[in-house]
C-alpha atoms as a PDB file:
ATOM      1  CA  MET A   1      50.524  -7.982   9.832  1.00  0.00           C
ATOM      2  CA  LYS A   2      54.292  -8.551   9.671  1.00  0.00           C
ATOM      3  CA  PHE A   3      54.805  -5.442  11.853  1.00  0.00           C
ATOM      4  CA  ILE A   4      52.476  -6.733  14.597  1.00  0.00           C
ATOM      5  CA  VAL A   5      54.092 -10.171  14.529  1.00  0.00           C
ATOM      6  CA  SER A   6      57.496  -8.481  14.846  1.00  0.00           C
ATOM      7  CA  LEU A   7      56.239  -6.546  17.876  1.00  0.00           C
ATOM      8  CA  PHE A   8      55.177  -9.724  19.662  1.00  0.00           C
ATOM      9  CA  ILE A   9      58.330 -11.667  18.751  1.00  0.00           C
ATOM     10  CA  ILE A  10      60.638  -8.877  19.868  1.00  0.00           C
ATOM     11  CA  SER A  11      58.722  -8.293  23.116  1.00  0.00           C
ATOM     12  CA  ILE A  12      58.483 -11.927  24.165  1.00  0.00           C
ATOM     13  CA  ALA A  13      62.031 -12.906  23.204  1.00  0.00           C
ATOM     14  CA  SER A  14      63.499  -9.764  24.782  1.00  0.00           C
ATOM     15  CA  TYR A  15      61.622 -10.416  28.001  1.00  0.00           C
ATOM     16  CA  PHE A  16      63.115 -13.870  28.320  1.00  0.00           C
ATOM     17  CA  LEU A  17      66.577 -12.713  27.249  1.00  0.00           C
ATOM     18  CA  GLN A  18      66.747  -9.982  29.873  1.00  0.00           C
ATOM     19  CA  LEU A  19      65.830 -12.450  32.619  1.00  0.00           C
ATOM     20  CA  THR A  20      69.239 -14.097  32.389  1.00  0.00           C
ATOM     21  CA  LEU A  21      71.419 -11.653  30.429  1.00  0.00           C
ATOM     22  CA  PRO A  22      72.304  -7.996  31.080  1.00  0.00           C
ATOM     23  CA  TRP A  23      69.826  -5.249  30.248  1.00  0.00           C
ATOM     24  CA  TYR A  24      71.382  -4.503  26.869  1.00  0.00           C
ATOM     25  CA  SER A  25      70.444  -7.986  25.649  1.00  0.00           C
ATOM     26  CA  ILE A  26      67.133  -6.399  24.602  1.00  0.00           C
ATOM     27  CA  ALA A  27      68.989  -5.191  21.514  1.00  0.00           C
ATOM     28  CA  ILE A  28      69.488  -8.712  20.122  1.00  0.00           C
ATOM     29  CA  MET A  29      65.976  -9.351  18.832  1.00  0.00           C
ATOM     30  CA  PRO A  30      65.302  -5.950  17.242  1.00  0.00           C
ATOM     31  CA  PHE A  31      68.693  -6.249  15.506  1.00  0.00           C
ATOM     32  CA  LEU A  32      67.968  -9.736  14.161  1.00  0.00           C
ATOM     33  CA  LEU A  33      64.439  -8.969  13.018  1.00  0.00           C
ATOM     34  CA  GLY A  34      65.565  -5.675  11.494  1.00  0.00           C
ATOM     35  CA  ALA A  35      68.333  -7.478   9.633  1.00  0.00           C
ATOM     36  CA  PHE A  36      66.313 -10.390   8.311  1.00  0.00           C
ATOM     37  CA  PHE A  37      62.606  -9.508   8.188  1.00  0.00           C
ATOM     38  CA  SER A  38      62.137  -5.770   7.909  1.00  0.00           C
ATOM     39  CA  GLY A  39      61.054  -4.238   4.623  1.00  0.00           C
ATOM     40  CA  LYS A  40      61.944  -0.608   5.378  1.00  0.00           C
ATOM     41  CA  ALA A  41      64.201   1.239   7.777  1.00  0.00           C
ATOM     42  CA  ARG A  42      61.248   3.073   9.309  1.00  0.00           C
ATOM     43  CA  GLY A  43      59.459  -0.210  10.035  1.00  0.00           C
ATOM     44  CA  ALA A  44      62.580  -1.710  11.622  1.00  0.00           C
ATOM     45  CA  PHE A  45      63.002   1.324  13.886  1.00  0.00           C
ATOM     46  CA  PHE A  46      59.367   1.527  14.977  1.00  0.00           C
ATOM     47  CA  ALA A  47      59.021  -2.211  15.548  1.00  0.00           C
ATOM     48  CA  GLY A  48      62.046  -2.182  17.840  1.00  0.00           C
ATOM     49  CA  PHE A  49      61.009   1.064  19.530  1.00  0.00           C
ATOM     50  CA  LEU A  50      57.413   0.138  20.229  1.00  0.00           C
ATOM     51  CA  SER A  51      58.053  -3.415  21.357  1.00  0.00           C
ATOM     52  CA  ILE A  52      60.787  -2.536  23.845  1.00  0.00           C
ATOM     53  CA  ALA A  53      59.036   0.628  25.042  1.00  0.00           C
ATOM     54  CA  LEU A  54      55.859  -1.364  25.753  1.00  0.00           C
ATOM     55  CA  LEU A  55      57.881  -4.113  27.414  1.00  0.00           C
ATOM     56  CA  TRP A  56      59.885  -1.820  29.697  1.00  0.00           C
ATOM     57  CA  GLY A  57      56.890   0.444  30.398  1.00  0.00           C
ATOM     58  CA  THR A  58      54.807  -2.547  31.410  1.00  0.00           C
ATOM     59  CA  LEU A  59      57.571  -3.990  33.586  1.00  0.00           C
ATOM     60  CA  ALA A  60      58.204  -0.626  35.266  1.00  0.00           C
ATOM     61  CA  LEU A  61      54.479  -0.216  35.903  1.00  0.00           C
ATOM     62  CA  MET A  62      54.267  -3.712  37.399  1.00  0.00           C
ATOM     63  CA  ILE A  63      57.209  -2.973  39.721  1.00  0.00           C
ATOM     64  CA  HIS A  64      55.585   0.314  40.685  1.00  0.00           C
ATOM     65  CA  TYR A  65      52.316  -1.362  41.691  1.00  0.00           C
ATOM     66  CA  GLN A  66      53.973  -4.353  43.382  1.00  0.00           C
ATOM     67  CA  SER A  67      56.040  -2.080  45.599  1.00  0.00           C
ATOM     68  CA  GLY A  68      53.133   0.196  46.362  1.00  0.00           C
ATOM     69  CA  GLY A  69      54.900   3.014  44.571  1.00  0.00           C
ATOM     70  CA  VAL A  70      57.615   3.284  47.219  1.00  0.00           C
ATOM     71  CA  LEU A  71      60.450   2.167  44.967  1.00  0.00           C
ATOM     72  CA  SER A  72      59.408   4.414  42.080  1.00  0.00           C
ATOM     73  CA  ILE A  73      59.075   7.438  44.365  1.00  0.00           C
ATOM     74  CA  LYS A  74      62.528   6.919  45.871  1.00  0.00           C
ATOM     75  CA  ILE A  75      64.179   6.421  42.496  1.00  0.00           C
ATOM     76  CA  ALA A  76      62.357   9.454  41.077  1.00  0.00           C
ATOM     77  CA  GLU A  77      63.682  11.510  44.006  1.00  0.00           C
ATOM     78  CA  LEU A  78      67.183  10.086  43.521  1.00  0.00           C
ATOM     79  CA  PHE A  79      67.276  11.094  39.865  1.00  0.00           C
ATOM     80  CA  LYS A  80      65.367  14.320  40.527  1.00  0.00           C
ATOM     81  CA  VAL A  81      62.708  13.410  37.973  1.00  0.00           C
ATOM     82  CA  GLY A  82      59.798  14.704  40.001  1.00  0.00           C
ATOM     83  CA  SER A  83      57.119  12.055  39.738  1.00  0.00           C
ATOM     84  CA  PRO A  84      57.067   8.271  39.441  1.00  0.00           C
ATOM     85  CA  THR A  85      54.829   8.534  36.370  1.00  0.00           C
ATOM     86  CA  LEU A  86      57.488  10.524  34.538  1.00  0.00           C
ATOM     87  CA  LEU A  87      60.099   7.994  35.673  1.00  0.00           C
ATOM     88  CA  ILE A  88      58.067   5.155  34.154  1.00  0.00           C
ATOM     89  CA  LEU A  89      57.642   7.071  30.895  1.00  0.00           C
ATOM     90  CA  LEU A  90      61.377   7.872  30.765  1.00  0.00           C
ATOM     91  CA  THR A  91      62.161   4.208  31.400  1.00  0.00           C
ATOM     92  CA  ALA A  92      59.886   3.135  28.542  1.00  0.00           C
ATOM     93  CA  PHE A  93      61.354   5.783  26.231  1.00  0.00           C
ATOM     94  CA  THR A  94      64.946   4.805  27.040  1.00  0.00           C
ATOM     95  CA  GLY A  95      64.280   1.137  26.341  1.00  0.00           C
ATOM     96  CA  GLY A  96      62.333   2.022  23.203  1.00  0.00           C
ATOM     97  CA  LEU A  97      65.192   4.135  21.918  1.00  0.00           C
ATOM     98  CA  VAL A  98      67.651   1.284  22.422  1.00  0.00           C
ATOM     99  CA  GLY A  99      65.348  -1.172  20.658  1.00  0.00           C
ATOM    100  CA  GLY A 100      64.579   1.211  17.804  1.00  0.00           C
ATOM    101  CA  LEU A 101      68.175   2.113  17.118  1.00  0.00           C
ATOM    102  CA  TRP A 102      69.251  -1.528  17.081  1.00  0.00           C
ATOM    103  CA  GLY A 103      66.374  -2.474  14.774  1.00  0.00           C
ATOM    104  CA  TRP A 104      67.465   0.288  12.430  1.00  0.00           C
ATOM    105  CA  THR A 105      71.085  -0.860  12.714  1.00  0.00           C
ATOM    106  CA  GLY A 106      70.068  -4.386  11.701  1.00  0.00           C
ATOM    107  CA  TYR A 107      68.251  -3.065   8.660  1.00  0.00           C
ATOM    108  CA  ALA A 108      71.228  -0.856   7.729  1.00  0.00           C
ATOM    109  CA  LEU A 109      73.624  -3.799   7.975  1.00  0.00           C
ATOM    110  CA  ARG A 110      71.432  -5.892   5.707  1.00  0.00           C
ATOM    111  CA  SER A 111      71.154  -3.093   3.184  1.00  0.00           C
ATOM    112  CA  LEU A 112      74.949  -3.117   2.847  1.00  0.00           C
ATOM    113  CA  PHE A 113      74.861  -6.658   1.463  1.00  0.00           C
ATOM    114  CA  VAL A 114      71.529  -6.928  -0.352  1.00  0.00           C
ATOM    115  CA  LYS A 115      71.162  -5.613  -3.869  1.00  0.00           C
ATOM    116  CA  ARG A 116      68.041  -3.541  -4.562  1.00  0.00           C
ATOM    117  CA  LYS A 117      66.332  -3.410  -7.947  1.00  0.00           C
ATOM    118  CA  ARG A 118      65.743   0.044  -9.414  1.00  0.00           C
ATOM    119  CA  ALA A 119      62.700   1.064 -11.389  1.00  0.00           C
ATOM    120  CA  SER A 120      64.815   0.924 -14.551  1.00  0.00           C
ATOM    121  CA  GLY A 121      65.455  -2.792 -13.998  1.00  0.00           C
ATOM    122  CA  ARG A 122      69.079  -2.385 -12.945  1.00  0.00           C
ATOM    123  CA  TYR A 123      70.382  -3.501  -9.603  1.00  0.00           C
ATOM    124  CA  ASP A 124      71.736  -1.018  -7.110  1.00  0.00           C
ATOM    125  CA  ILE A 125      74.439  -2.267  -4.738  1.00  0.00           C
ATOM    126  CA  ALA A 126      73.832   0.136  -1.863  1.00  0.00           C
END
């Protein structure tokens, strides 16, 4: 449940952040949620990856349909990708990779400062 809530929070907040800030502002929300709310590194990465990949894939698909595919075809030719569908998938993957890595970075930063309890009852600093 926490994973799905994280997906929605990251997607919605990142959408509104990138309306006014540069494209790399999408990294803010995965970083914060990875740092404060994620239980595992894998969950932090996948929450950031899936939310931003879905966001950018949806936005690229909307732009594709609104322009009648003309813009996507021209950009696909410019980057020598081949097809607009592959361009949309690459766009989603690129955004997802940025979101996932920043979610993982947030988790890693938190793990530097939070003590974990071992099975033996002792606390581990790392």
